[in-house]
């Protein structure tokens, strides 16, 4: 696994597409931070610590960009014959799959952490750093965000393994967490009312603005996130196992 991750890191260092995605992510973060700070004012200041966590727990646009990076990485492996070589060399498909999820997720988390630190310093220099009033809530929020990221990277990876096309893989990957909402819309059109909020990822994700000592909301959050992640990984493993790689 370690050698696979090192190989992915080396591959990313040589990949111009990665640096393009990194640049786009940084631009989206800059715009988000600038907008957040411009909306803050003296009567409702954004403290440094709060802005740090708010930035880290946000960044969905950057995540979508990293999903595209994942899809392109896998699609290129199929197109160039690298996937065939990996299988031919006896490298396990499961470790290969997990190594991609871990590598891209770690890269995204690192980018968001750096963006959060920058945002926190900028907000802190203007309004003060503030304190962490609910450390347990913030700590669990970070864990939930990491699981959220890993699940979405896995969605893009599994979808691209199935389609072998980067764009289609990203589109399907983005659609997967919205399946409950799509089902609600379809059934609503058929005049069948059903509430699927309990399996919607967006329903359970924490927010710094809702921070409190009540941590009970994290149980359904973790159950849903881990459920989606495991399901995506299992499907990805199954596709790789039964796929005829040429």
C-alpha atoms as a PDB file:
ATOM      1  CA  UNK A   1       0.000   0.000   0.000  1.00  0.00           C
ATOM      2  CA  UNK A   2       2.794   2.429   0.927  1.00  0.00           C
ATOM      3  CA  UNK A   3       4.575   1.808  -2.385  1.00  0.00           C
ATOM      4  CA  UNK A   4       1.330   2.359  -4.298  1.00  0.00           C
ATOM      5  CA  UNK A   5       0.733   5.669  -2.506  1.00  0.00           C
ATOM      6  CA  UNK A   6       4.312   6.738  -3.218  1.00  0.00           C
ATOM      7  CA  UNK A   7       3.762   5.816  -6.852  1.00  0.00           C
ATOM      8  CA  UNK A   8       0.607   7.937  -7.019  1.00  0.00           C
ATOM      9  CA  UNK A   9       2.395  10.880  -5.428  1.00  0.00           C
ATOM     10  CA  UNK A  10       5.227  10.565  -7.961  1.00  0.00           C
ATOM     11  CA  UNK A  11       2.656  10.366 -10.758  1.00  0.00           C
ATOM     12  CA  UNK A  12       0.887  13.513  -9.534  1.00  0.00           C
ATOM     13  CA  UNK A  13       4.184  15.413  -9.396  1.00  0.00           C
ATOM     14  CA  UNK A  14       4.651  14.683 -13.105  1.00  0.00           C
ATOM     15  CA  UNK A  15       1.027  15.391 -14.050  1.00  0.00           C
ATOM     16  CA  UNK A  16       0.230  18.862 -15.398  1.00  0.00           C
ATOM     17  CA  UNK A  17      -3.466  18.110 -14.990  1.00  0.00           C
ATOM     18  CA  UNK A  18      -2.903  17.809 -11.243  1.00  0.00           C
ATOM     19  CA  UNK A  19      -1.283  21.230 -11.077  1.00  0.00           C
ATOM     20  CA  UNK A  20      -4.138  22.656 -13.124  1.00  0.00           C
ATOM     21  CA  UNK A  21      -6.660  21.192 -10.679  1.00  0.00           C
ATOM     22  CA  UNK A  22      -4.563  22.486  -7.782  1.00  0.00           C
ATOM     23  CA  UNK A  23      -4.557  25.986  -9.275  1.00  0.00           C
ATOM     24  CA  UNK A  24      -8.328  25.925  -9.821  1.00  0.00           C
ATOM     25  CA  UNK A  25      -8.855  24.725  -6.249  1.00  0.00           C
ATOM     26  CA  UNK A  26      -6.711  27.550  -4.897  1.00  0.00           C
ATOM     27  CA  UNK A  27      -8.640  30.093  -6.976  1.00  0.00           C
ATOM     28  CA  UNK A  28     -11.980  28.774  -5.692  1.00  0.00           C
ATOM     29  CA  UNK A  29     -10.654  28.914  -2.127  1.00  0.00           C
ATOM     30  CA  UNK A  30      -9.393  32.475  -2.597  1.00  0.00           C
ATOM     31  CA  UNK A  31     -12.780  33.604  -3.914  1.00  0.00           C
ATOM     32  CA  UNK A  32     -14.578  31.840  -1.057  1.00  0.00           C
ATOM     33  CA  UNK A  33     -12.316  33.351   1.607  1.00  0.00           C
ATOM     34  CA  UNK A  34     -12.509  36.806   0.057  1.00  0.00           C
ATOM     35  CA  UNK A  35     -16.301  36.635  -0.082  1.00  0.00           C
ATOM     36  CA  UNK A  36     -16.567  35.388   3.500  1.00  0.00           C
ATOM     37  CA  UNK A  37     -14.353  38.158   4.846  1.00  0.00           C
ATOM     38  CA  UNK A  38     -16.042  40.857   2.764  1.00  0.00           C
ATOM     39  CA  UNK A  39     -19.430  39.875   4.213  1.00  0.00           C
ATOM     40  CA  UNK A  40     -18.113  40.073   7.759  1.00  0.00           C
ATOM     41  CA  UNK A  41     -18.548  43.371   9.576  1.00  0.00           C
ATOM     42  CA  UNK A  42     -17.966  44.813  13.024  1.00  0.00           C
ATOM     43  CA  UNK A  43     -21.353  43.795  14.434  1.00  0.00           C
ATOM     44  CA  UNK A  44     -20.952  40.211  13.208  1.00  0.00           C
ATOM     45  CA  UNK A  45     -17.204  39.543  13.017  1.00  0.00           C
ATOM     46  CA  UNK A  46     -15.752  36.269  11.800  1.00  0.00           C
ATOM     47  CA  UNK A  47     -13.131  35.162  14.298  1.00  0.00           C
ATOM     48  CA  UNK A  48      -9.953  33.507  13.090  1.00  0.00           C
ATOM     49  CA  UNK A  49     -10.583  30.042  14.547  1.00  0.00           C
ATOM     50  CA  UNK A  50     -14.150  30.027  13.262  1.00  0.00           C
ATOM     51  CA  UNK A  51     -13.044  31.016   9.765  1.00  0.00           C
ATOM     52  CA  UNK A  52     -10.336  28.337   9.788  1.00  0.00           C
ATOM     53  CA  UNK A  53     -12.856  25.585  10.493  1.00  0.00           C
ATOM     54  CA  UNK A  54     -15.488  27.143   8.248  1.00  0.00           C
ATOM     55  CA  UNK A  55     -13.064  27.084   5.318  1.00  0.00           C
ATOM     56  CA  UNK A  56     -11.851  23.550   6.041  1.00  0.00           C
ATOM     57  CA  UNK A  57     -15.382  22.191   6.381  1.00  0.00           C
ATOM     58  CA  UNK A  58     -16.457  23.914   3.164  1.00  0.00           C
ATOM     59  CA  UNK A  59     -14.681  23.866  -0.166  1.00  0.00           C
ATOM     60  CA  UNK A  60     -17.162  21.757  -2.118  1.00  0.00           C
ATOM     61  CA  UNK A  61     -16.042  23.288  -5.425  1.00  0.00           C
ATOM     62  CA  UNK A  62     -12.462  22.264  -4.672  1.00  0.00           C
ATOM     63  CA  UNK A  63     -13.733  18.770  -3.843  1.00  0.00           C
ATOM     64  CA  UNK A  64     -15.486  18.519  -7.211  1.00  0.00           C
ATOM     65  CA  UNK A  65     -12.211  19.498  -8.865  1.00  0.00           C
ATOM     66  CA  UNK A  66     -10.384  16.735  -6.988  1.00  0.00           C
ATOM     67  CA  UNK A  67     -13.092  14.299  -8.046  1.00  0.00           C
ATOM     68  CA  UNK A  68     -12.285  15.265 -11.635  1.00  0.00           C
ATOM     69  CA  UNK A  69      -8.605  14.699 -10.880  1.00  0.00           C
ATOM     70  CA  UNK A  70      -9.428  11.220  -9.571  1.00  0.00           C
ATOM     71  CA  UNK A  71     -11.532  10.369 -12.608  1.00  0.00           C
ATOM     72  CA  UNK A  72      -8.866  11.615 -15.013  1.00  0.00           C
ATOM     73  CA  UNK A  73      -6.165   9.665 -13.181  1.00  0.00           C
ATOM     74  CA  UNK A  74      -8.095   6.399 -13.483  1.00  0.00           C
ATOM     75  CA  UNK A  75      -9.322   6.995 -17.042  1.00  0.00           C
ATOM     76  CA  UNK A  76      -5.745   7.727 -18.117  1.00  0.00           C
ATOM     77  CA  UNK A  77      -4.601   4.481 -16.444  1.00  0.00           C
ATOM     78  CA  UNK A  78      -7.051   2.575 -18.636  1.00  0.00           C
ATOM     79  CA  UNK A  79      -6.262   4.542 -21.798  1.00  0.00           C
ATOM     80  CA  UNK A  80      -2.469   4.275 -21.487  1.00  0.00           C
ATOM     81  CA  UNK A  81      -2.445   0.604 -20.514  1.00  0.00           C
ATOM     82  CA  UNK A  82      -1.128   1.265 -17.013  1.00  0.00           C
ATOM     83  CA  UNK A  83      -4.101  -0.569 -15.496  1.00  0.00           C
ATOM     84  CA  UNK A  84      -3.254  -3.655 -17.554  1.00  0.00           C
ATOM     85  CA  UNK A  85       0.365  -3.492 -16.410  1.00  0.00           C
ATOM     86  CA  UNK A  86      -0.721  -3.159 -12.778  1.00  0.00           C
ATOM     87  CA  UNK A  87      -2.860  -6.270 -13.025  1.00  0.00           C
ATOM     88  CA  UNK A  88      -0.144  -8.104 -14.977  1.00  0.00           C
ATOM     89  CA  UNK A  89       2.451  -7.376 -12.292  1.00  0.00           C
ATOM     90  CA  UNK A  90       0.250  -9.003  -9.684  1.00  0.00           C
ATOM     91  CA  UNK A  91      -0.580  -5.823  -7.811  1.00  0.00           C
ATOM     92  CA  UNK A  92      -3.790  -6.295  -5.840  1.00  0.00           C
ATOM     93  CA  UNK A  93      -6.795  -4.441  -7.243  1.00  0.00           C
ATOM     94  CA  UNK A  94      -8.160  -3.698  -3.781  1.00  0.00           C
ATOM     95  CA  UNK A  95      -4.952  -2.056  -2.489  1.00  0.00           C
ATOM     96  CA  UNK A  96      -4.745  -0.111  -5.768  1.00  0.00           C
ATOM     97  CA  UNK A  97      -8.282   1.183  -5.317  1.00  0.00           C
ATOM     98  CA  UNK A  98      -7.782   2.153  -1.680  1.00  0.00           C
ATOM     99  CA  UNK A  99      -4.414   3.782  -2.391  1.00  0.00           C
ATOM    100  CA  UNK A 100      -6.043   6.164  -4.884  1.00  0.00           C
ATOM    101  CA  UNK A 101      -8.809   7.096  -2.439  1.00  0.00           C
ATOM    102  CA  UNK A 102      -6.290   7.738   0.342  1.00  0.00           C
ATOM    103  CA  UNK A 103      -3.828   9.678  -1.847  1.00  0.00           C
ATOM    104  CA  UNK A 104      -6.349  12.041  -3.442  1.00  0.00           C
ATOM    105  CA  UNK A 105      -8.273  12.500  -0.190  1.00  0.00           C
ATOM    106  CA  UNK A 106      -5.055  13.362   1.653  1.00  0.00           C
ATOM    107  CA  UNK A 107      -4.076  15.846  -1.069  1.00  0.00           C
ATOM    108  CA  UNK A 108      -7.473  17.535  -0.821  1.00  0.00           C
ATOM    109  CA  UNK A 109      -7.363  17.673   2.990  1.00  0.00           C
ATOM    110  CA  UNK A 110      -3.880  19.199   2.855  1.00  0.00           C
ATOM    111  CA  UNK A 111      -5.034  21.894   0.409  1.00  0.00           C
ATOM    112  CA  UNK A 112      -8.071  22.698   2.547  1.00  0.00           C
ATOM    113  CA  UNK A 113      -5.973  22.778   5.720  1.00  0.00           C
ATOM    114  CA  UNK A 114      -3.601  25.295   4.152  1.00  0.00           C
ATOM    115  CA  UNK A 115      -6.566  27.313   2.891  1.00  0.00           C
ATOM    116  CA  UNK A 116      -8.144  27.201   6.342  1.00  0.00           C
ATOM    117  CA  UNK A 117      -4.945  28.438   7.989  1.00  0.00           C
ATOM    118  CA  UNK A 118      -4.687  31.331   5.531  1.00  0.00           C
ATOM    119  CA  UNK A 119      -8.355  32.225   6.068  1.00  0.00           C
ATOM    120  CA  UNK A 120      -7.948  31.989   9.832  1.00  0.00           C
ATOM    121  CA  UNK A 121      -4.898  34.247   9.849  1.00  0.00           C
ATOM    122  CA  UNK A 122      -6.616  36.842   7.647  1.00  0.00           C
ATOM    123  CA  UNK A 123      -9.787  36.836   9.751  1.00  0.00           C
ATOM    124  CA  UNK A 124      -7.745  36.812  12.962  1.00  0.00           C
ATOM    125  CA  UNK A 125      -5.716  39.848  11.906  1.00  0.00           C
ATOM    126  CA  UNK A 126      -8.960  41.772  11.418  1.00  0.00           C
ATOM    127  CA  UNK A 127     -11.295  40.498  14.119  1.00  0.00           C
ATOM    128  CA  UNK A 128      -9.089  38.472  16.462  1.00  0.00           C
ATOM    129  CA  UNK A 129      -8.534  34.718  16.652  1.00  0.00           C
ATOM    130  CA  UNK A 130     -11.230  33.898  19.205  1.00  0.00           C
ATOM    131  CA  UNK A 131     -11.487  30.550  20.986  1.00  0.00           C
ATOM    132  CA  UNK A 132     -12.919  27.077  20.395  1.00  0.00           C
ATOM    133  CA  UNK A 133     -16.083  26.983  22.467  1.00  0.00           C
ATOM    134  CA  UNK A 134     -17.067  23.428  21.541  1.00  0.00           C
ATOM    135  CA  UNK A 135     -13.879  21.391  20.893  1.00  0.00           C
ATOM    136  CA  UNK A 136     -15.744  18.069  20.736  1.00  0.00           C
ATOM    137  CA  UNK A 137     -18.088  19.349  18.036  1.00  0.00           C
ATOM    138  CA  UNK A 138     -15.252  20.768  15.949  1.00  0.00           C
ATOM    139  CA  UNK A 139     -13.161  17.592  16.274  1.00  0.00           C
ATOM    140  CA  UNK A 140     -16.033  15.359  15.159  1.00  0.00           C
ATOM    141  CA  UNK A 141     -16.835  17.816  12.358  1.00  0.00           C
ATOM    142  CA  UNK A 142     -13.313  17.369  10.991  1.00  0.00           C
ATOM    143  CA  UNK A 143     -13.694  13.565  11.094  1.00  0.00           C
ATOM    144  CA  UNK A 144     -17.074  13.844   9.345  1.00  0.00           C
ATOM    145  CA  UNK A 145     -15.600  16.076   6.644  1.00  0.00           C
ATOM    146  CA  UNK A 146     -12.755  13.633   5.976  1.00  0.00           C
ATOM    147  CA  UNK A 147     -15.250  10.776   5.620  1.00  0.00           C
ATOM    148  CA  UNK A 148     -17.342  13.008   3.344  1.00  0.00           C
ATOM    149  CA  UNK A 149     -14.299  13.655   1.142  1.00  0.00           C
ATOM    150  CA  UNK A 150     -13.278   9.988   1.014  1.00  0.00           C
ATOM    151  CA  UNK A 151     -16.815   8.985   0.069  1.00  0.00           C
ATOM    152  CA  UNK A 152     -16.965  11.478  -2.811  1.00  0.00           C
ATOM    153  CA  UNK A 153     -13.511  10.533  -4.096  1.00  0.00           C
ATOM    154  CA  UNK A 154     -14.636   6.896  -3.955  1.00  0.00           C
ATOM    155  CA  UNK A 155     -17.813   7.783  -5.882  1.00  0.00           C
ATOM    156  CA  UNK A 156     -15.749   9.301  -8.687  1.00  0.00           C
ATOM    157  CA  UNK A 157     -13.296   6.389  -8.653  1.00  0.00           C
ATOM    158  CA  UNK A 158     -15.964   3.680  -8.769  1.00  0.00           C
ATOM    159  CA  UNK A 159     -17.948   5.472 -11.472  1.00  0.00           C
ATOM    160  CA  UNK A 160     -14.833   5.924 -13.616  1.00  0.00           C
ATOM    161  CA  UNK A 161     -13.861   2.270 -13.209  1.00  0.00           C
ATOM    162  CA  UNK A 162     -17.321   1.440 -14.554  1.00  0.00           C
ATOM    163  CA  UNK A 163     -17.345   3.943 -17.454  1.00  0.00           C
ATOM    164  CA  UNK A 164     -13.571   4.281 -18.094  1.00  0.00           C
ATOM    165  CA  UNK A 165     -14.332   7.907 -18.974  1.00  0.00           C
ATOM    166  CA  UNK A 166     -13.342  10.855 -16.780  1.00  0.00           C
ATOM    167  CA  UNK A 167     -16.242  13.210 -17.551  1.00  0.00           C
ATOM    168  CA  UNK A 168     -18.909  10.519 -17.293  1.00  0.00           C
ATOM    169  CA  UNK A 169     -17.277   9.212 -14.134  1.00  0.00           C
ATOM    170  CA  UNK A 170     -17.432  12.631 -12.465  1.00  0.00           C
ATOM    171  CA  UNK A 171     -21.046  13.200 -13.499  1.00  0.00           C
ATOM    172  CA  UNK A 172     -22.135   9.829 -12.108  1.00  0.00           C
ATOM    173  CA  UNK A 173     -19.977  10.364  -9.022  1.00  0.00           C
ATOM    174  CA  UNK A 174     -21.712  13.679  -8.338  1.00  0.00           C
ATOM    175  CA  UNK A 175     -25.123  12.097  -8.902  1.00  0.00           C
ATOM    176  CA  UNK A 176     -24.640   9.224  -6.443  1.00  0.00           C
ATOM    177  CA  UNK A 177     -25.062  11.226  -3.191  1.00  0.00           C
ATOM    178  CA  UNK A 178     -28.087  12.943  -4.747  1.00  0.00           C
ATOM    179  CA  UNK A 179     -29.905   9.695  -5.572  1.00  0.00           C
ATOM    180  CA  UNK A 180     -32.315  10.060  -2.587  1.00  0.00           C
ATOM    181  CA  UNK A 181     -33.276  13.565  -3.742  1.00  0.00           C
ATOM    182  CA  UNK A 182     -33.694  12.386  -7.334  1.00  0.00           C
ATOM    183  CA  UNK A 183     -35.914   9.533  -6.139  1.00  0.00           C
ATOM    184  CA  UNK A 184     -38.030  11.977  -4.153  1.00  0.00           C
ATOM    185  CA  UNK A 185     -38.492  14.140  -7.254  1.00  0.00           C
ATOM    186  CA  UNK A 186     -39.391  11.172  -9.484  1.00  0.00           C
ATOM    187  CA  UNK A 187     -41.811   9.702  -6.949  1.00  0.00           C
ATOM    188  CA  UNK A 188     -43.265  13.160  -6.302  1.00  0.00           C
ATOM    189  CA  UNK A 189     -43.966  13.499 -10.015  1.00  0.00           C
ATOM    190  CA  UNK A 190     -45.875  10.207  -9.719  1.00  0.00           C
ATOM    191  CA  UNK A 191     -47.738  11.703  -6.728  1.00  0.00           C
ATOM    192  CA  UNK A 192     -45.990   9.402  -4.280  1.00  0.00           C
ATOM    193  CA  UNK A 193     -44.765  11.399  -1.294  1.00  0.00           C
ATOM    194  CA  UNK A 194     -41.759   9.960   0.528  1.00  0.00           C
ATOM    195  CA  UNK A 195     -39.142  11.519   2.802  1.00  0.00           C
ATOM    196  CA  UNK A 196     -35.614  10.189   2.307  1.00  0.00           C
ATOM    197  CA  UNK A 197     -33.798  12.797   4.414  1.00  0.00           C
ATOM    198  CA  UNK A 198     -32.486  10.053   6.694  1.00  0.00           C
ATOM    199  CA  UNK A 199     -30.178   8.751   3.924  1.00  0.00           C
ATOM    200  CA  UNK A 200     -29.195  12.136   2.474  1.00  0.00           C
ATOM    201  CA  UNK A 201     -25.590  13.053   3.174  1.00  0.00           C
ATOM    202  CA  UNK A 202     -26.351  16.780   3.072  1.00  0.00           C
ATOM    203  CA  UNK A 203     -28.968  16.434   5.821  1.00  0.00           C
ATOM    204  CA  UNK A 204     -26.479  15.182   8.387  1.00  0.00           C
ATOM    205  CA  UNK A 205     -23.341  17.232   7.648  1.00  0.00           C
ATOM    206  CA  UNK A 206     -22.259  19.481  10.560  1.00  0.00           C
ATOM    207  CA  UNK A 207     -21.788  23.247  10.378  1.00  0.00           C
ATOM    208  CA  UNK A 208     -19.692  25.574  12.533  1.00  0.00           C
ATOM    209  CA  UNK A 209     -22.747  27.800  12.857  1.00  0.00           C
ATOM    210  CA  UNK A 210     -24.621  24.948  14.589  1.00  0.00           C
ATOM    211  CA  UNK A 211     -21.796  24.086  17.005  1.00  0.00           C
ATOM    212  CA  UNK A 212     -22.918  23.032  20.465  1.00  0.00           C
ATOM    213  CA  UNK A 213     -22.276  20.505  23.222  1.00  0.00           C
ATOM    214  CA  UNK A 214     -24.948  18.248  21.747  1.00  0.00           C
ATOM    215  CA  UNK A 215     -23.039  15.617  19.770  1.00  0.00           C
ATOM    216  CA  UNK A 216     -25.956  13.244  19.169  1.00  0.00           C
ATOM    217  CA  UNK A 217     -26.339  14.420  15.569  1.00  0.00           C
ATOM    218  CA  UNK A 218     -22.986  12.888  14.664  1.00  0.00           C
ATOM    219  CA  UNK A 219     -24.196   9.301  15.067  1.00  0.00           C
ATOM    220  CA  UNK A 220     -26.555   9.383  12.060  1.00  0.00           C
ATOM    221  CA  UNK A 221     -23.961  11.489  10.223  1.00  0.00           C
ATOM    222  CA  UNK A 222     -21.243   8.850  10.635  1.00  0.00           C
ATOM    223  CA  UNK A 223     -23.640   5.990   9.900  1.00  0.00           C
ATOM    224  CA  UNK A 224     -24.723   7.552   6.586  1.00  0.00           C
ATOM    225  CA  UNK A 225     -21.201   8.586   5.533  1.00  0.00           C
ATOM    226  CA  UNK A 226     -19.606   5.250   6.390  1.00  0.00           C
ATOM    227  CA  UNK A 227     -22.514   3.436   4.754  1.00  0.00           C
ATOM    228  CA  UNK A 228     -22.058   5.321   1.471  1.00  0.00           C
ATOM    229  CA  UNK A 229     -18.275   4.887   1.619  1.00  0.00           C
ATOM    230  CA  UNK A 230     -18.427   1.140   2.242  1.00  0.00           C
ATOM    231  CA  UNK A 231     -21.063   0.648  -0.455  1.00  0.00           C
ATOM    232  CA  UNK A 232     -19.002   2.584  -3.005  1.00  0.00           C
ATOM    233  CA  UNK A 233     -15.829   0.655  -2.135  1.00  0.00           C
ATOM    234  CA  UNK A 234     -17.592  -2.710  -2.316  1.00  0.00           C
ATOM    235  CA  UNK A 235     -19.042  -1.867  -5.746  1.00  0.00           C
ATOM    236  CA  UNK A 236     -15.613  -0.655  -6.892  1.00  0.00           C
ATOM    237  CA  UNK A 237     -13.966  -3.878  -5.727  1.00  0.00           C
ATOM    238  CA  UNK A 238     -16.640  -5.940  -7.490  1.00  0.00           C
ATOM    239  CA  UNK A 239     -16.199  -4.012 -10.759  1.00  0.00           C
ATOM    240  CA  UNK A 240     -12.431  -4.445 -10.688  1.00  0.00           C
ATOM    241  CA  UNK A 241     -12.727  -8.137  -9.874  1.00  0.00           C
ATOM    242  CA  UNK A 242     -15.091  -8.911 -12.767  1.00  0.00           C
ATOM    243  CA  UNK A 243     -13.700  -6.427 -15.266  1.00  0.00           C
ATOM    244  CA  UNK A 244     -11.894  -7.635 -18.359  1.00  0.00           C
ATOM    245  CA  UNK A 245      -8.923  -5.294 -18.534  1.00  0.00           C
ATOM    246  CA  UNK A 246      -7.292  -5.188 -21.969  1.00  0.00           C
END
